[in-house]
Protein backbone atom coordinates (compact mmCIF):
# COMPACT_ATOMS: atom_id res chain seq x y z
CA MET A 1 59.11 9.55 18.43
CA ASN A 2 57.40 8.09 15.35
CA LYS A 3 57.41 4.69 17.05
CA ILE A 4 55.45 6.17 19.96
CA PHE A 5 52.84 7.64 17.60
CA ALA A 6 52.61 4.31 15.75
CA LEU A 7 52.13 2.49 19.05
CA ILE A 8 49.42 4.96 20.14
CA ALA A 9 47.67 4.62 16.78
CA ALA A 10 47.77 0.82 17.01
CA ALA A 11 46.35 0.91 20.54
CA ALA A 12 43.57 3.28 19.46
CA SER A 13 42.72 0.99 16.57
CA LEU A 14 42.53 -2.00 18.91
CA VAL A 15 40.29 -0.13 21.36
CA SER A 16 37.93 1.02 18.61
CA GLY A 17 37.77 -2.56 17.30
CA VAL A 18 36.72 -3.79 20.74
CA ALA A 19 34.04 -1.09 20.90
CA LEU A 20 32.70 -2.24 17.51
CA LEU A 21 32.59 -5.84 18.72
CA GLN A 22 30.48 -4.88 21.72
CA THR A 23 27.77 -3.38 19.53
CA SER A 24 28.03 -5.71 16.55
CA PRO A 25 25.20 -7.78 15.09
CA VAL A 26 27.12 -10.88 16.19
CA ASN A 27 26.79 -9.77 19.82
CA GLU A 28 23.06 -9.20 19.24
CA VAL A 29 22.70 -12.76 17.89
CA LEU A 30 24.56 -14.17 20.90
CA SER A 31 22.28 -12.24 23.26
CA ARG A 32 19.23 -13.66 21.51
CA ALA A 33 20.66 -17.19 21.71
CA THR A 34 20.84 -16.86 25.50
CA GLY A 35 17.38 -15.28 25.68
CA GLU A 36 18.69 -12.11 27.30
CA HIS A 37 17.11 -8.77 26.50
CA HIS A 38 19.14 -5.63 27.19
CA GLY A 39 17.08 -2.47 27.56
CA GLN A 40 15.81 0.28 29.83
CA ALA A 41 13.17 0.04 32.55
CA THR A 42 10.69 2.80 33.31
CA PHE A 43 7.58 2.73 35.51
CA PHE A 44 3.86 3.20 35.08
CA PHE A 45 0.82 3.61 37.30
CA GLN A 46 -1.64 0.76 36.86
CA ASP A 47 -4.31 2.38 39.07
CA SER A 48 -6.41 -0.82 38.99
CA GLU A 49 -7.13 -0.24 35.28
CA ILE A 50 -7.52 -3.25 33.02
CA GLY A 51 -4.27 -3.87 31.14
CA ALA A 52 -3.86 -5.21 27.62
CA CYS A 53 -3.81 -8.77 29.00
CA GLY A 54 -7.35 -8.28 30.32
CA GLN A 55 -6.81 -8.04 34.08
CA ALA A 56 -6.75 -5.18 36.54
CA HIS A 57 -3.78 -4.80 38.87
CA SER A 58 -2.81 -2.47 41.66
CA ASP A 59 0.34 -0.37 41.58
CA SER A 60 1.86 -2.63 44.25
CA ASP A 61 1.63 -5.77 42.06
CA PHE A 62 4.87 -6.87 40.40
CA ILE A 63 3.80 -6.56 36.79
CA VAL A 64 5.55 -5.72 33.55
CA SER A 65 4.47 -4.06 30.34
CA LEU A 66 6.23 -5.07 27.11
CA GLN A 67 6.89 -3.07 23.95
CA PRO A 68 4.46 -4.14 21.16
CA GLU A 69 6.98 -6.29 19.27
CA GLU A 70 7.77 -8.30 22.41
CA TYR A 71 4.14 -8.23 23.59
CA ALA A 72 3.30 -10.03 20.32
CA ASN A 73 -0.49 -9.61 20.53
CA GLY A 74 -0.58 -11.00 24.06
CA THR A 75 1.50 -14.12 23.46
CA HIS A 76 3.44 -13.48 26.68
CA CYS A 77 0.53 -12.50 28.95
CA GLY A 78 0.92 -14.14 32.34
CA LYS A 79 4.52 -15.18 31.74
CA THR A 80 7.16 -14.42 34.33
CA ILE A 81 10.32 -12.55 33.49
CA ALA A 82 13.44 -12.16 35.63
CA ILE A 83 14.67 -8.56 35.59
CA THR A 84 18.19 -7.62 36.64
CA ASP A 85 19.20 -4.03 37.35
CA SER A 86 22.41 -3.64 35.31
CA ASN A 87 23.73 -1.08 37.82
CA SER A 88 23.20 -2.97 41.08
CA GLY A 89 22.90 -6.59 39.94
CA LYS A 90 19.66 -7.01 41.89
CA THR A 91 17.14 -9.40 40.29
CA MET A 92 13.38 -9.57 40.77
CA ASN A 93 10.56 -11.34 38.94
CA GLY A 94 7.57 -9.69 37.33
CA VAL A 95 4.55 -10.98 35.39
CA VAL A 96 3.66 -9.69 31.91
CA ALA A 97 0.28 -7.98 32.21
CA ASP A 98 0.25 -5.11 29.72
CA GLU A 99 1.53 -3.64 26.47
CA CYS A 100 3.68 -0.51 26.36
CA PRO A 101 3.41 1.29 23.00
CA GLY A 102 5.55 4.15 24.37
CA CYS A 103 8.46 2.00 25.53
CA GLY A 104 10.51 2.66 22.42
CA ALA A 105 13.22 0.08 21.71
CA LYS A 106 12.18 -3.57 21.56
CA ASP A 107 13.89 -4.62 24.80
CA ASN A 108 12.67 -1.72 26.94
CA ILE A 109 10.13 -2.58 29.61
CA ASP A 110 7.72 -0.68 31.83
CA LEU A 111 7.42 -1.82 35.45
CA SER A 112 4.60 -1.29 37.91
CA VAL A 113 5.45 1.20 40.64
CA GLY A 114 5.69 -1.64 43.16
CA LEU A 115 8.23 -3.52 41.07
CA PHE A 116 10.22 -0.45 40.00
CA THR A 117 10.72 0.64 43.61
CA GLN A 118 12.24 -2.75 44.43
CA PHE A 119 15.16 -1.59 42.27
CA GLU A 120 15.24 2.20 42.34
CA ASP A 121 13.46 5.25 43.74
CA LEU A 122 10.81 6.65 41.38
CA SER A 123 12.88 9.85 41.09
CA VAL A 124 15.47 7.84 39.10
CA GLY A 125 12.87 7.39 36.36
CA VAL A 126 14.82 4.94 34.19
CA PHE A 127 17.60 2.40 34.65
CA PRO A 128 19.36 -0.22 32.46
CA VAL A 129 18.15 -3.81 32.72
CA VAL A 130 18.76 -7.30 31.44
CA TRP A 131 15.68 -9.48 31.42
CA VAL A 132 14.72 -13.02 30.40
CA PHE A 133 11.54 -15.08 30.24
CA VAL A 134 11.60 -17.71 33.00
CA ASP A 135 8.43 -19.57 31.98
């Protein structure tokens, strides 16, 4: 009986070690080396207002708003990013056109309504994404 408990304890230790590896700083460094950003996508209404990059867009345009650290004072304005819905695997491109101070974590992004609805219904509100700069 003690052997069974020892085996269960060893298995639990192994599983917890794997969980630590998935969230370790090493994994974060590897993600950065590949250029992948893992975050959450939400949506916003552009309403033809001028965004932080200086241009007005309609809600149907495929545009993206970056969290201030990634926005980097407009360094990425006009750049295209490929966004993959982590749930479905679907990928679409969007162009950086705005800054999102309310996006929270560094890798979270805000999508125009037109782009968000290519992935999910607006009622979903938020979904996990992986995104990369493509130019």
